[in-house]
PDB file of all heavy atoms in Angstrom:
ATOM      1  N   VAL A   1      72.086 146.060 -27.920  1.00  0.00           N
ATOM      2  CA  VAL A   1      72.134 144.610 -27.553  1.00  0.00           C
ATOM      3  C   VAL A   1      72.235 143.909 -28.873  1.00  0.00           C
ATOM      4  O   VAL A   1      73.109 142.919 -28.988  1.00  0.00           O
ATOM      5  CB  VAL A   1      70.948 144.311 -26.812  1.00  0.00           C
ATOM      6  CG1 VAL A   1      70.828 142.768 -26.619  1.00  0.00           C
ATOM      7  CG2 VAL A   1      70.898 144.919 -25.368  1.00  0.00           C
ATOM      8  N   GLN A   2      71.451 144.190 -29.856  1.00  0.00           N
ATOM      9  CA  GLN A   2      71.436 143.420 -31.071  1.00  0.00           C
ATOM     10  C   GLN A   2      72.825 143.529 -31.875  1.00  0.00           C
ATOM     11  O   GLN A   2      73.317 142.577 -32.305  1.00  0.00           O
ATOM     12  CB  GLN A   2      70.375 143.953 -32.036  1.00  0.00           C
ATOM     13  CG  GLN A   2      68.954 143.706 -31.514  1.00  0.00           C
ATOM     14  CD  GLN A   2      67.875 144.517 -32.217  1.00  0.00           C
ATOM     15  OE1 GLN A   2      68.131 145.186 -33.246  1.00  0.00           O
ATOM     16  NE2 GLN A   2      66.622 144.408 -31.619  1.00  0.00           N
ATOM     17  N   ALA A   3      73.337 144.771 -31.814  1.00  0.00           N
ATOM     18  CA  ALA A   3      74.631 145.065 -32.457  1.00  0.00           C
ATOM     19  C   ALA A   3      75.741 144.126 -31.829  1.00  0.00           C
ATOM     20  O   ALA A   3      76.637 143.582 -32.529  1.00  0.00           O
ATOM     21  CB  ALA A   3      75.035 146.490 -32.500  1.00  0.00           C
ATOM     22  N   CYS A   4      75.766 144.181 -30.517  1.00  0.00           N
ATOM     23  CA  CYS A   4      76.843 143.490 -29.829  1.00  0.00           C
ATOM     24  C   CYS A   4      76.730 141.932 -29.867  1.00  0.00           C
ATOM     25  O   CYS A   4      77.655 141.174 -30.091  1.00  0.00           O
ATOM     26  CB  CYS A   4      76.749 143.897 -28.355  1.00  0.00           C
ATOM     27  SG  CYS A   4      77.556 145.490 -27.996  1.00  0.00           S
ATOM     28  N   LEU A   5      75.467 141.442 -29.896  1.00  0.00           N
ATOM     29  CA  LEU A   5      75.218 140.008 -30.035  1.00  0.00           C
ATOM     30  C   LEU A   5      75.604 139.586 -31.479  1.00  0.00           C
ATOM     31  O   LEU A   5      76.088 138.465 -31.649  1.00  0.00           O
ATOM     32  CB  LEU A   5      73.795 139.571 -29.670  1.00  0.00           C
ATOM     33  CG  LEU A   5      73.275 139.838 -28.284  1.00  0.00           C
ATOM     34  CD1 LEU A   5      71.836 139.473 -28.113  1.00  0.00           C
ATOM     35  CD2 LEU A   5      74.207 139.026 -27.303  1.00  0.00           C
ATOM     36  N   ALA A   6      75.240 140.369 -32.412  1.00  0.00           N
ATOM     37  CA  ALA A   6      75.600 140.098 -33.823  1.00  0.00           C
ATOM     38  C   ALA A   6      77.024 139.968 -33.966  1.00  0.00           C
ATOM     39  O   ALA A   6      77.538 139.238 -34.897  1.00  0.00           O
ATOM     40  CB  ALA A   6      74.978 141.136 -34.784  1.00  0.00           C
ATOM     41  N   ALA A   7      77.843 140.751 -33.210  1.00  0.00           N
ATOM     42  CA  ALA A   7      79.283 140.741 -33.295  1.00  0.00           C
ATOM     43  C   ALA A   7      79.925 139.736 -32.373  1.00  0.00           C
ATOM     44  O   ALA A   7      81.171 139.557 -32.345  1.00  0.00           O
ATOM     45  CB  ALA A   7      79.826 142.053 -32.954  1.00  0.00           C
ATOM     46  N   GLY A   8      79.117 138.823 -31.771  1.00  0.00           N
ATOM     47  CA  GLY A   8      79.673 137.783 -30.861  1.00  0.00           C
ATOM     48  C   GLY A   8      80.194 138.265 -29.579  1.00  0.00           C
ATOM     49  O   GLY A   8      81.035 137.707 -28.883  1.00  0.00           O
ATOM     50  N   LEU A   9      79.729 139.459 -29.140  1.00  0.00           N
ATOM     51  CA  LEU A   9      80.223 140.049 -27.887  1.00  0.00           C
ATOM     52  C   LEU A   9      79.214 139.738 -26.775  1.00  0.00           C
ATOM     53  O   LEU A   9      78.134 139.466 -26.917  1.00  0.00           O
ATOM     54  CB  LEU A   9      80.338 141.621 -28.174  1.00  0.00           C
ATOM     55  CG  LEU A   9      81.219 142.091 -29.242  1.00  0.00           C
ATOM     56  CD1 LEU A   9      81.101 143.576 -29.548  1.00  0.00           C
ATOM     57  CD2 LEU A   9      82.767 141.613 -28.946  1.00  0.00           C
ATOM     58  N   ASP A  10      79.925 139.913 -25.455  1.00  0.00           N
ATOM     59  CA  ASP A  10      79.209 139.643 -24.295  1.00  0.00           C
ATOM     60  C   ASP A  10      78.199 140.872 -23.953  1.00  0.00           C
ATOM     61  O   ASP A  10      78.423 142.007 -24.162  1.00  0.00           O
ATOM     62  CB  ASP A  10      80.079 139.480 -23.123  1.00  0.00           C
ATOM     63  CG  ASP A  10      80.885 138.212 -23.171  1.00  0.00           C
ATOM     64  OD1 ASP A  10      80.519 137.309 -23.930  1.00  0.00           O
ATOM     65  OD2 ASP A  10      81.775 138.002 -22.376  1.00  0.00           O
ATOM     66  N   VAL A  11      76.973 140.448 -23.519  1.00  0.00           N
ATOM     67  CA  VAL A  11      76.003 141.461 -23.032  1.00  0.00           C
ATOM     68  C   VAL A  11      75.589 140.916 -21.568  1.00  0.00           C
ATOM     69  O   VAL A  11      75.220 139.782 -21.366  1.00  0.00           O
ATOM     70  CB  VAL A  11      74.714 141.481 -23.930  1.00  0.00           C
ATOM     71  CG1 VAL A  11      73.662 142.490 -23.318  1.00  0.00           C
ATOM     72  CG2 VAL A  11      75.239 142.025 -25.376  1.00  0.00           C
ATOM     73  N   GLU A  12      75.663 141.939 -20.688  1.00  0.00           N
ATOM     74  CA  GLU A  12      75.244 141.542 -19.299  1.00  0.00           C
ATOM     75  C   GLU A  12      74.139 142.537 -18.928  1.00  0.00           C
ATOM     76  O   GLU A  12      73.930 143.620 -19.464  1.00  0.00           O
ATOM     77  CB  GLU A  12      76.362 141.809 -18.342  1.00  0.00           C
ATOM     78  CG  GLU A  12      77.655 140.819 -18.753  1.00  0.00           C
ATOM     79  CD  GLU A  12      78.736 141.162 -17.818  1.00  0.00           C
ATOM     80  OE1 GLU A  12      78.705 142.095 -16.909  1.00  0.00           O
ATOM     81  OE2 GLU A  12      79.907 140.626 -18.074  1.00  0.00           O
ATOM     82  N   VAL A  13      73.348 142.080 -17.983  1.00  0.00           N
ATOM     83  CA  VAL A  13      72.256 142.954 -17.412  1.00  0.00           C
ATOM     84  C   VAL A  13      72.378 143.101 -15.840  1.00  0.00           C
ATOM     85  O   VAL A  13      72.495 142.015 -15.216  1.00  0.00           O
ATOM     86  CB  VAL A  13      70.874 142.432 -17.779  1.00  0.00           C
ATOM     87  CG1 VAL A  13      69.765 143.082 -17.086  1.00  0.00           C
ATOM     88  CG2 VAL A  13      70.562 142.466 -19.286  1.00  0.00           C
ATOM     89  N   VAL A  14      72.226 144.227 -15.329  1.00  0.00           N
ATOM     90  CA  VAL A  14      72.101 144.472 -13.969  1.00  0.00           C
ATOM     91  C   VAL A  14      70.675 144.753 -13.663  1.00  0.00           C
ATOM     92  O   VAL A  14      70.243 145.958 -13.992  1.00  0.00           O
ATOM     93  CB  VAL A  14      73.074 145.558 -13.412  1.00  0.00           C
ATOM     94  CG1 VAL A  14      72.819 145.791 -11.871  1.00  0.00           C
ATOM     95  CG2 VAL A  14      74.373 145.212 -13.696  1.00  0.00           C
ATOM     96  N   PRO A  15      69.805 143.890 -13.187  1.00  0.00           N
ATOM     97  CA  PRO A  15      68.400 144.106 -13.134  1.00  0.00           C
ATOM     98  C   PRO A  15      68.073 145.184 -12.018  1.00  0.00           C
ATOM     99  O   PRO A  15      68.923 145.368 -11.082  1.00  0.00           O
ATOM    100  CB  PRO A  15      67.774 142.756 -12.887  1.00  0.00           C
ATOM    101  CG  PRO A  15      68.835 141.948 -12.143  1.00  0.00           C
ATOM    102  CD  PRO A  15      70.134 142.543 -12.751  1.00  0.00           C
ATOM    103  N   GLY A  16      66.870 145.625 -12.081  1.00  0.00           N
ATOM    104  CA  GLY A  16      66.431 146.574 -11.018  1.00  0.00           C
ATOM    105  C   GLY A  16      65.019 147.090 -11.206  1.00  0.00           C
ATOM    106  O   GLY A  16      64.097 146.232 -11.638  1.00  0.00           O
ATOM    107  N   PRO A  17      64.631 148.312 -10.780  1.00  0.00           N
ATOM    108  CA  PRO A  17      63.334 148.692 -10.787  1.00  0.00           C
ATOM    109  C   PRO A  17      62.626 148.613 -12.170  1.00  0.00           C
ATOM    110  O   PRO A  17      63.358 148.820 -13.277  1.00  0.00           O
ATOM    111  CB  PRO A  17      63.509 150.184 -10.370  1.00  0.00           C
ATOM    112  CG  PRO A  17      64.717 150.243  -9.618  1.00  0.00           C
ATOM    113  CD  PRO A  17      65.704 149.294 -10.362  1.00  0.00           C
ATOM    114  N   SER A  18      61.361 148.321 -12.108  1.00  0.00           N
ATOM    115  CA  SER A  18      60.489 148.179 -13.399  1.00  0.00           C
ATOM    116  C   SER A  18      59.182 148.843 -13.190  1.00  0.00           C
ATOM    117  O   SER A  18      58.413 148.360 -12.321  1.00  0.00           O
ATOM    118  CB  SER A  18      60.436 146.812 -13.810  1.00  0.00           C
ATOM    119  OG  SER A  18      59.450 146.596 -14.755  1.00  0.00           O
ATOM    120  N   ALA A  19      58.769 149.867 -13.946  1.00  0.00           N
ATOM    121  CA  ALA A  19      57.451 150.446 -13.797  1.00  0.00           C
ATOM    122  C   ALA A  19      56.379 149.520 -14.218  1.00  0.00           C
ATOM    123  O   ALA A  19      55.355 149.458 -13.636  1.00  0.00           O
ATOM    124  CB  ALA A  19      57.427 151.661 -14.626  1.00  0.00           C
ATOM    125  N   VAL A  20      56.765 148.579 -15.125  1.00  0.00           N
ATOM    126  CA  VAL A  20      55.827 147.608 -15.611  1.00  0.00           C
ATOM    127  C   VAL A  20      55.368 146.598 -14.556  1.00  0.00           C
ATOM    128  O   VAL A  20      54.173 146.377 -14.244  1.00  0.00           O
ATOM    129  CB  VAL A  20      56.391 146.805 -16.828  1.00  0.00           C
ATOM    130  CG1 VAL A  20      55.407 145.762 -17.271  1.00  0.00           C
ATOM    131  CG2 VAL A  20      56.690 147.687 -18.033  1.00  0.00           C
ATOM    132  N   LEU A  21      56.370 145.976 -13.888  1.00  0.00           N
ATOM    133  CA  LEU A  21      56.131 145.071 -12.911  1.00  0.00           C
ATOM    134  C   LEU A  21      55.544 145.703 -11.698  1.00  0.00           C
ATOM    135  O   LEU A  21      54.700 145.072 -10.991  1.00  0.00           O
ATOM    136  CB  LEU A  21      57.339 144.288 -12.612  1.00  0.00           C
ATOM    137  CG  LEU A  21      57.949 143.423 -13.724  1.00  0.00           C
ATOM    138  CD1 LEU A  21      59.125 142.619 -13.260  1.00  0.00           C
ATOM    139  CD2 LEU A  21      56.830 142.439 -14.242  1.00  0.00           C
ATOM    140  N   THR A  22      56.000 146.809 -11.240  1.00  0.00           N
ATOM    141  CA  THR A  22      55.565 147.644 -10.135  1.00  0.00           C
ATOM    142  C   THR A  22      54.026 147.788 -10.231  1.00  0.00           C
ATOM    143  O   THR A  22      53.250 147.553  -9.309  1.00  0.00           O
ATOM    144  CB  THR A  22      56.302 148.928  -9.886  1.00  0.00           C
ATOM    145  OG1 THR A  22      57.708 148.589  -9.763  1.00  0.00           O
ATOM    146  CG2 THR A  22      55.832 149.587  -8.667  1.00  0.00           C
ATOM    147  N   ALA A  23      53.670 148.479 -11.329  1.00  0.00           N
ATOM    148  CA  ALA A  23      52.214 148.773 -11.546  1.00  0.00           C
ATOM    149  C   ALA A  23      51.432 147.390 -11.573  1.00  0.00           C
ATOM    150  O   ALA A  23      50.288 147.338 -11.077  1.00  0.00           O
ATOM    151  CB  ALA A  23      52.090 149.574 -12.826  1.00  0.00           C
ATOM    152  N   LEU A  24      51.916 146.422 -12.221  1.00  0.00           N
ATOM    153  CA  LEU A  24      51.185 145.152 -12.389  1.00  0.00           C
ATOM    154  C   LEU A  24      50.877 144.559 -11.113  1.00  0.00           C
ATOM    155  O   LEU A  24      49.694 144.177 -10.753  1.00  0.00           O
ATOM    156  CB  LEU A  24      51.985 144.171 -13.249  1.00  0.00           C
ATOM    157  CG  LEU A  24      51.425 142.763 -13.476  1.00  0.00           C
ATOM    158  CD1 LEU A  24      50.174 142.850 -14.316  1.00  0.00           C
ATOM    159  CD2 LEU A  24      52.448 141.894 -14.110  1.00  0.00           C
ATOM    160  N   VAL A  25      51.906 144.499 -10.248  1.00  0.00           N
ATOM    161  CA  VAL A  25      51.648 143.821  -8.897  1.00  0.00           C
ATOM    162  C   VAL A  25      50.721 144.743  -8.045  1.00  0.00           C
ATOM    163  O   VAL A  25      49.870 144.293  -7.322  1.00  0.00           O
ATOM    164  CB  VAL A  25      53.079 143.717  -8.271  1.00  0.00           C
ATOM    165  CG1 VAL A  25      52.818 143.285  -6.753  1.00  0.00           C
ATOM    166  CG2 VAL A  25      53.794 142.682  -8.875  1.00  0.00           C
ATOM    167  N   LEU A  26      50.832 146.077  -8.142  1.00  0.00           N
ATOM    168  CA  LEU A  26      49.926 146.941  -7.412  1.00  0.00           C
ATOM    169  C   LEU A  26      48.591 146.996  -7.860  1.00  0.00           C
ATOM    170  O   LEU A  26      47.645 147.378  -7.071  1.00  0.00           O
ATOM    171  CB  LEU A  26      50.487 148.396  -7.353  1.00  0.00           C
ATOM    172  CG  LEU A  26      51.772 148.636  -6.543  1.00  0.00           C
ATOM    173  CD1 LEU A  26      52.229 150.060  -6.760  1.00  0.00           C
ATOM    174  CD2 LEU A  26      51.366 148.502  -5.074  1.00  0.00           C
TER     175      LEU A  26
END
């Protein structure tokens, strides 16, 4: 991500499952 942003390129995210948030909510 850092390398692409430094080069002025697009970065996209397809969000989804997260162990952090799943455990936090539970």
